Amino acid sequence: FVYYSAAGIEFNAKINGILAVRLQATRIDPSKS
């Protein structure tokens, strides 16, 4: 879980092609926020 402002992940990798990530939010209300 990534909570606070400027939090996140970092890694080094050898990559060929597409880079993607799977995320899921909770407590989100896009109509308000």
All heavy atoms as atom14 arrays in JSON, in Angstrom:
{
  "sequence": "FVYYSAAGIEFNAKINGILAVRLQATRIDPSKS",
  "atom14_mask": [
    [1, 1, 1, 1, 1, 1, 1, 1, 1, 1, 1, 0, 0, 0],
    [1, 1, 1, 1, 1, 1, 1, 0, 0, 0, 0, 0, 0, 0],
    [1, 1, 1, 1, 1, 1, 1, 1, 1, 1, 1, 1, 0, 0],
    [1, 1, 1, 1, 1, 1, 1, 1, 1, 1, 1, 1, 0, 0],
    [1, 1, 1, 1, 1, 1, 0, 0, 0, 0, 0, 0, 0, 0],
    [1, 1, 1, 1, 1, 0, 0, 0, 0, 0, 0, 0, 0, 0],
    [1, 1, 1, 1, 1, 0, 0, 0, 0, 0, 0, 0, 0, 0],
    [1, 1, 1, 1, 0, 0, 0, 0, 0, 0, 0, 0, 0, 0],
    [1, 1, 1, 1, 1, 1, 1, 1, 0, 0, 0, 0, 0, 0],
    [1, 1, 1, 1, 1, 1, 1, 1, 1, 0, 0, 0, 0, 0],
    [1, 1, 1, 1, 1, 1, 1, 1, 1, 1, 1, 0, 0, 0],
    [1, 1, 1, 1, 1, 1, 1, 1, 0, 0, 0, 0, 0, 0],
    [1, 1, 1, 1, 1, 0, 0, 0, 0, 0, 0, 0, 0, 0],
    [1, 1, 1, 1, 1, 1, 1, 1, 1, 0, 0, 0, 0, 0],
    [1, 1, 1, 1, 1, 1, 1, 1, 0, 0, 0, 0, 0, 0],
    [1, 1, 1, 1, 1, 1, 1, 1, 0, 0, 0, 0, 0, 0],
    [1, 1, 1, 1, 0, 0, 0, 0, 0, 0, 0, 0, 0, 0],
    [1, 1, 1, 1, 1, 1, 1, 1, 0, 0, 0, 0, 0, 0],
    [1, 1, 1, 1, 1, 1, 1, 1, 0, 0, 0, 0, 0, 0],
    [1, 1, 1, 1, 1, 0, 0, 0, 0, 0, 0, 0, 0, 0],
    [1, 1, 1, 1, 1, 1, 1, 0, 0, 0, 0, 0, 0, 0],
    [1, 1, 1, 1, 1, 1, 1, 1, 1, 1, 1, 0, 0, 0],
    [1, 1, 1, 1, 1, 1, 1, 1, 0, 0, 0, 0, 0, 0],
    [1, 1, 1, 1, 1, 1, 1, 1, 1, 0, 0, 0, 0, 0],
    [1, 1, 1, 1, 1, 0, 0, 0, 0, 0, 0, 0, 0, 0],
    [1, 1, 1, 1, 1, 1, 1, 0, 0, 0, 0, 0, 0, 0],
    [1, 1, 1, 1, 1, 1, 1, 1, 1, 1, 1, 0, 0, 0],
    [1, 1, 1, 1, 1, 1, 1, 1, 0, 0, 0, 0, 0, 0],
    [1, 1, 1, 1, 1, 1, 1, 1, 0, 0, 0, 0, 0, 0],
    [1, 1, 1, 1, 1, 1, 1, 0, 0, 0, 0, 0, 0, 0],
    [1, 1, 1, 1, 1, 1, 0, 0, 0, 0, 0, 0, 0, 0],
    [1, 1, 1, 1, 1, 1, 1, 1, 1, 0, 0, 0, 0, 0],
    [1, 1, 1, 1, 1, 1, 0, 0, 0, 0, 0, 0, 0, 0]
  ],
  "atom14_positions": [
    [[0.84, -1.19, 0.0], [0.0, 0.0, 0.0], [0.88, 1.24, 0.0], [1.79, 1.38, 0.83], [-0.91, 0.02, 1.22], [-2.15, -0.79, 1.08], [-2.28, -2.0, 1.74], [-3.2, -0.36, 0.27], [-3.43, -2.76, 1.61], [-4.35, -1.11, 0.13], [-4.47, -2.32, 0.81], [0.0, 0.0, 0.0], [0.0, 0.0, 0.0], [0.0, 0.0, 0.0]],
    [[0.59, 2.15, -0.92], [1.28, 3.44, -1.01], [0.31, 4.5, -0.51], [-0.71, 4.76, -1.15], [1.72, 3.73, -2.46], [2.38, 5.09, -2.54], [2.69, 2.65, -2.94], [0.0, 0.0, 0.0], [0.0, 0.0, 0.0], [0.0, 0.0, 0.0], [0.0, 0.0, 0.0], [0.0, 0.0, 0.0], [0.0, 0.0, 0.0], [0.0, 0.0, 0.0]],
    [[0.62, 5.11, 0.63], [-0.34, 5.99, 1.29], [-0.09, 7.48, 1.05], [-0.89, 8.18, 0.44], [-0.31, 5.74, 2.8], [-0.9, 4.43, 3.23], [-0.08, 3.42, 3.71], [-2.27, 4.2, 3.16], [-0.62, 2.21, 4.13], [-2.82, 3.0, 3.57], [-1.99, 2.0, 4.05], [-2.52, 0.82, 4.45], [0.0, 0.0, 0.0], [0.0, 0.0, 0.0]],
    [[1.02, 7.97, 1.58], [1.2, 9.42, 1.7], [1.77, 10.07, 0.45], [2.28, 9.4, -0.46], [2.12, 9.71, 2.89], [1.44, 9.57, 4.24], [1.52, 8.38, 4.96], [0.7, 10.62, 4.77], [0.88, 8.25, 6.19], [0.07, 10.5, 6.01], [0.16, 9.32, 6.71], [-0.46, 9.19, 7.91], [0.0, 0.0, 0.0], [0.0, 0.0, 0.0]],
    [[1.7, 11.39, 0.42], [2.24, 12.17, -0.69], [3.71, 11.83, -0.92], [4.49, 11.68, 0.03], [2.13, 13.67, -0.37], [0.8, 14.04, -0.12], [0.0, 0.0, 0.0], [0.0, 0.0, 0.0], [0.0, 0.0, 0.0], [0.0, 0.0, 0.0], [0.0, 0.0, 0.0], [0.0, 0.0, 0.0], [0.0, 0.0, 0.0], [0.0, 0.0, 0.0]],
    [[4.09, 11.71, -2.19], [5.46, 11.45, -2.63], [5.97, 10.07, -2.24], [7.15, 9.77, -2.4], [6.42, 12.52, -2.15], [0.0, 0.0, 0.0], [0.0, 0.0, 0.0], [0.0, 0.0, 0.0], [0.0, 0.0, 0.0], [0.0, 0.0, 0.0], [0.0, 0.0, 0.0], [0.0, 0.0, 0.0], [0.0, 0.0, 0.0], [0.0, 0.0, 0.0]],
    [[5.09, 9.2, -1.73], [5.48, 7.81, -1.47], [5.46, 7.04, -2.8], [4.87, 7.49, -3.79], [4.54, 7.17, -0.47], [0.0, 0.0, 0.0], [0.0, 0.0, 0.0], [0.0, 0.0, 0.0], [0.0, 0.0, 0.0], [0.0, 0.0, 0.0], [0.0, 0.0, 0.0], [0.0, 0.0, 0.0], [0.0, 0.0, 0.0], [0.0, 0.0, 0.0]],
    [[6.09, 5.88, -2.82], [6.07, 5.12, -4.05], [7.04, 3.95, -4.03], [7.44, 3.46, -2.97], [0.0, 0.0, 0.0], [0.0, 0.0, 0.0], [0.0, 0.0, 0.0], [0.0, 0.0, 0.0], [0.0, 0.0, 0.0], [0.0, 0.0, 0.0], [0.0, 0.0, 0.0], [0.0, 0.0, 0.0], [0.0, 0.0, 0.0], [0.0, 0.0, 0.0]],
    [[7.42, 3.51, -5.23], [8.37, 2.41, -5.37], [9.47, 2.82, -6.35], [9.26, 3.68, -7.21], [7.7, 1.11, -5.84], [7.09, 1.28, -7.25], [6.64, 0.66, -4.85], [6.59, -0.02, -7.86], [0.0, 0.0, 0.0], [0.0, 0.0, 0.0], [0.0, 0.0, 0.0], [0.0, 0.0, 0.0], [0.0, 0.0, 0.0], [0.0, 0.0, 0.0]],
    [[10.61, 2.18, -6.19], [11.74, 2.41, -7.09], [12.46, 1.09, -7.32], [12.62, 0.29, -6.4], [12.71, 3.43, -6.48], [13.95, 3.7, -7.32], [14.96, 4.61, -6.65], [14.72, 5.03, -5.49], [16.0, 4.88, -7.29], [0.0, 0.0, 0.0], [0.0, 0.0, 0.0], [0.0, 0.0, 0.0], [0.0, 0.0, 0.0], [0.0, 0.0, 0.0]],
    [[12.88, 0.85, -8.55], [13.65, -0.36, -8.83], [14.51, -0.15, -10.07], [14.26, 0.74, -10.89], [12.73, -1.58, -9.02], [11.73, -1.44, -10.14], [12.02, -1.87, -11.43], [10.48, -0.89, -9.89], [11.09, -1.75, -12.45], [9.54, -0.76, -10.91], [9.85, -1.2, -12.19], [0.0, 0.0, 0.0], [0.0, 0.0, 0.0], [0.0, 0.0, 0.0]],
    [[15.53, -0.98, -10.19], [16.37, -1.03, -11.38], [16.06, -2.31, -12.13], [15.89, -3.38, -11.52], [17.85, -1.0, -10.99], [18.25, 0.29, -10.31], [17.87, 1.37, -10.74], [19.02, 0.18, -9.24], [0.0, 0.0, 0.0], [0.0, 0.0, 0.0], [0.0, 0.0, 0.0], [0.0, 0.0, 0.0], [0.0, 0.0, 0.0], [0.0, 0.0, 0.0]],
    [[15.99, -2.22, -13.45], [15.65, -3.42, -14.23], [16.17, -3.31, -15.66], [16.33, -2.22, -16.2], [14.14, -3.62, -14.25], [0.0, 0.0, 0.0], [0.0, 0.0, 0.0], [0.0, 0.0, 0.0], [0.0, 0.0, 0.0], [0.0, 0.0, 0.0], [0.0, 0.0, 0.0], [0.0, 0.0, 0.0], [0.0, 0.0, 0.0], [0.0, 0.0, 0.0]],
    [[16.42, -4.47, -16.22], [16.69, -4.57, -17.65], [15.36, -4.91, -18.32], [14.76, -5.94, -18.03], [17.72, -5.67, -17.91], [18.19, -5.73, -19.36], [19.34, -6.73, -19.51], [19.86, -6.73, -20.95], [21.0, -7.68, -21.1], [0.0, 0.0, 0.0], [0.0, 0.0, 0.0], [0.0, 0.0, 0.0], [0.0, 0.0, 0.0], [0.0, 0.0, 0.0]],
    [[14.9, -4.02, -19.21], [13.54, -4.13, -19.75], [13.59, -4.11, -21.27], [14.3, -3.29, -21.87], [12.66, -2.96, -19.23], [12.67, -2.93, -17.7], [11.23, -3.09, -19.77], [11.98, -1.7, -17.11], [0.0, 0.0, 0.0], [0.0, 0.0, 0.0], [0.0, 0.0, 0.0], [0.0, 0.0, 0.0], [0.0, 0.0, 0.0], [0.0, 0.0, 0.0]],
    [[12.78, -4.97, -21.85], [12.65, -5.02, -23.32], [11.17, -4.95, -23.66], [10.42, -5.91, -23.46], [13.28, -6.29, -23.88], [13.23, -6.35, -25.39], [13.0, -5.34, -26.05], [13.44, -7.52, -25.95], [0.0, 0.0, 0.0], [0.0, 0.0, 0.0], [0.0, 0.0, 0.0], [0.0, 0.0, 0.0], [0.0, 0.0, 0.0], [0.0, 0.0, 0.0]],
    [[10.71, -3.77, -24.14], [9.31, -3.63, -24.53], [8.51, -2.8, -23.55], [8.95, -1.76, -23.09], [0.0, 0.0, 0.0], [0.0, 0.0, 0.0], [0.0, 0.0, 0.0], [0.0, 0.0, 0.0], [0.0, 0.0, 0.0], [0.0, 0.0, 0.0], [0.0, 0.0, 0.0], [0.0, 0.0, 0.0], [0.0, 0.0, 0.0], [0.0, 0.0, 0.0]],
    [[7.32, -3.3, -23.19], [6.38, -2.55, -22.37], [6.7, -2.72, -20.88], [7.06, -3.81, -20.43], [4.94, -3.02, -22.66], [4.53, -2.62, -24.08], [3.95, -2.43, -21.66], [3.17, -3.16, -24.5], [0.0, 0.0, 0.0], [0.0, 0.0, 0.0], [0.0, 0.0, 0.0], [0.0, 0.0, 0.0], [0.0, 0.0, 0.0], [0.0, 0.0, 0.0]],
    [[6.52, -1.64, -20.15], [6.57, -1.66, -18.69], [5.2, -1.26, -18.17], [4.67, -0.22, -18.55], [7.63, -0.7, -18.16], [7.64, -0.43, -16.65], [7.98, -1.7, -15.88], [8.62, 0.69, -16.31], [0.0, 0.0, 0.0], [0.0, 0.0, 0.0], [0.0, 0.0, 0.0], [0.0, 0.0, 0.0], [0.0, 0.0, 0.0], [0.0, 0.0, 0.0]],
    [[4.61, -2.1, -17.31], [3.28, -1.81, -16.78], [3.25, -2.13, -15.29], [4.14, -2.8, -14.75], [2.22, -2.61, -17.52], [0.0, 0.0, 0.0], [0.0, 0.0, 0.0], [0.0, 0.0, 0.0], [0.0, 0.0, 0.0], [0.0, 0.0, 0.0], [0.0, 0.0, 0.0], [0.0, 0.0, 0.0], [0.0, 0.0, 0.0], [0.0, 0.0, 0.0]],
    [[2.2, -1.65, -14.62], [2.03, -1.92, -13.2], [0.55, -2.13, -12.93], [-0.31, -1.54, -13.6], [2.6, -0.75, -12.36], [1.79, 0.52, -12.58], [2.64, -1.1, -10.88], [0.0, 0.0, 0.0], [0.0, 0.0, 0.0], [0.0, 0.0, 0.0], [0.0, 0.0, 0.0], [0.0, 0.0, 0.0], [0.0, 0.0, 0.0], [0.0, 0.0, 0.0]],
    [[0.24, -2.97, -11.97], [-1.16, -3.23, -11.61], [-1.45, -2.55, -10.28], [-0.79, -2.82, -9.28], [-1.42, -4.73, -11.54], [-2.9, -5.08, -11.37], [-3.19, -6.52, -11.75], [-3.21, -6.67, -13.2], [-2.47, -7.55, -13.87], [-1.65, -8.35, -13.22], [-2.56, -7.64, -15.17], [0.0, 0.0, 0.0], [0.0, 0.0, 0.0], [0.0, 0.0, 0.0]],
    [[-2.44, -1.65, -10.31], [-2.8, -0.85, -9.14], [-4.27, -1.01, -8.82], [-5.09, -1.25, -9.71], [-2.52, 0.64, -9.4], [-1.12, 1.05, -9.85], [-1.08, 2.53, -10.19], [-0.09, 0.71, -8.79], [0.0, 0.0, 0.0], [0.0, 0.0, 0.0], [0.0, 0.0, 0.0], [0.0, 0.0, 0.0], [0.0, 0.0, 0.0], [0.0, 0.0, 0.0]],
    [[-4.6, -0.83, -7.54], [-6.0, -0.81, -7.13], [-6.18, 0.19, -6.0], [-5.47, 0.12, -4.99], [-6.49, -2.19, -6.69], [-7.98, -2.21, -6.36], [-8.51, -3.61, -6.12], [-7.74, -4.55, -5.92], [-9.82, -3.76, -6.14], [0.0, 0.0, 0.0], [0.0, 0.0, 0.0], [0.0, 0.0, 0.0], [0.0, 0.0, 0.0], [0.0, 0.0, 0.0]],
    [[-7.12, 1.11, -6.17], [-7.38, 2.13, -5.17], [-8.54, 1.72, -4.27], [-9.44, 0.97, -4.68], [-7.7, 3.47, -5.84], [0.0, 0.0, 0.0], [0.0, 0.0, 0.0], [0.0, 0.0, 0.0], [0.0, 0.0, 0.0], [0.0, 0.0, 0.0], [0.0, 0.0, 0.0], [0.0, 0.0, 0.0], [0.0, 0.0, 0.0], [0.0, 0.0, 0.0]],
    [[-8.53, 2.21, -3.05], [-9.65, 2.06, -2.14], [-9.97, 3.42, -1.54], [-9.13, 4.32, -1.52], [-9.33, 1.07, -1.0], [-8.17, 1.53, -0.29], [-9.06, -0.32, -1.55], [0.0, 0.0, 0.0], [0.0, 0.0, 0.0], [0.0, 0.0, 0.0], [0.0, 0.0, 0.0], [0.0, 0.0, 0.0], [0.0, 0.0, 0.0], [0.0, 0.0, 0.0]],
    [[-11.2, 3.59, -1.06], [-11.69, 4.85, -0.48], [-11.64, 6.0, -1.48], [-11.47, 7.15, -1.08], [-10.87, 5.23, 0.76], [-10.87, 4.24, 1.88], [-10.14, 4.78, 3.1], [-8.75, 5.05, 2.84], [-8.24, 6.25, 2.67], [-9.01, 7.31, 2.72], [-6.96, 6.41, 2.45], [0.0, 0.0, 0.0], [0.0, 0.0, 0.0], [0.0, 0.0, 0.0]],
    [[-11.81, 5.73, -2.74], [-11.71, 6.78, -3.74], [-13.11, 7.22, -4.17], [-14.0, 6.4, -4.34], [-10.89, 6.3, -4.96], [-10.64, 7.45, -5.94], [-11.55, 5.14, -5.66], [-9.7, 7.08, -7.07], [0.0, 0.0, 0.0], [0.0, 0.0, 0.0], [0.0, 0.0, 0.0], [0.0, 0.0, 0.0], [0.0, 0.0, 0.0], [0.0, 0.0, 0.0]],
    [[-13.3, 8.52, -4.32], [-14.57, 9.07, -4.8], [-14.24, 10.11, -5.86], [-14.11, 11.29, -5.56], [-15.37, 9.69, -3.66], [-16.76, 10.16, -4.11], [-17.02, 10.14, -5.33], [-17.57, 10.53, -3.25], [0.0, 0.0, 0.0], [0.0, 0.0, 0.0], [0.0, 0.0, 0.0], [0.0, 0.0, 0.0], [0.0, 0.0, 0.0], [0.0, 0.0, 0.0]],
    [[-14.08, 9.69, -7.11], [-13.65, 10.61, -8.17], [-14.63, 11.75, -8.42], [-14.25, 12.8, -8.91], [-13.51, 9.72, -9.4], [-14.34, 8.52, -9.11], [-14.26, 8.33, -7.62], [0.0, 0.0, 0.0], [0.0, 0.0, 0.0], [0.0, 0.0, 0.0], [0.0, 0.0, 0.0], [0.0, 0.0, 0.0], [0.0, 0.0, 0.0], [0.0, 0.0, 0.0]],
    [[-15.91, 11.56, -8.05], [-16.89, 12.63, -8.25], [-16.6, 13.82, -7.35], [-16.97, 14.95, -7.64], [-18.3, 12.11, -8.0], [-18.47, 11.76, -6.62], [0.0, 0.0, 0.0], [0.0, 0.0, 0.0], [0.0, 0.0, 0.0], [0.0, 0.0, 0.0], [0.0, 0.0, 0.0], [0.0, 0.0, 0.0], [0.0, 0.0, 0.0], [0.0, 0.0, 0.0]],
    [[-15.93, 13.56, -6.23], [-15.61, 14.62, -5.29], [-14.14, 15.03, -5.36], [-13.8, 16.21, -5.18], [-15.94, 14.18, -3.86], [-17.43, 13.97, -3.61], [-17.67, 13.56, -2.17], [-19.16, 13.34, -1.9], [-19.4, 12.93, -0.51], [0.0, 0.0, 0.0], [0.0, 0.0, 0.0], [0.0, 0.0, 0.0], [0.0, 0.0, 0.0], [0.0, 0.0, 0.0]],
    [[-13.26, 14.07, -5.62], [-11.84, 14.37, -5.51], [-11.11, 14.44, -6.84], [-10.05, 15.02, -6.92], [-11.15, 13.3, -4.65], [-11.07, 12.07, -5.36], [0.0, 0.0, 0.0], [0.0, 0.0, 0.0], [0.0, 0.0, 0.0], [0.0, 0.0, 0.0], [0.0, 0.0, 0.0], [0.0, 0.0, 0.0], [0.0, 0.0, 0.0], [0.0, 0.0, 0.0]]
  ]
}
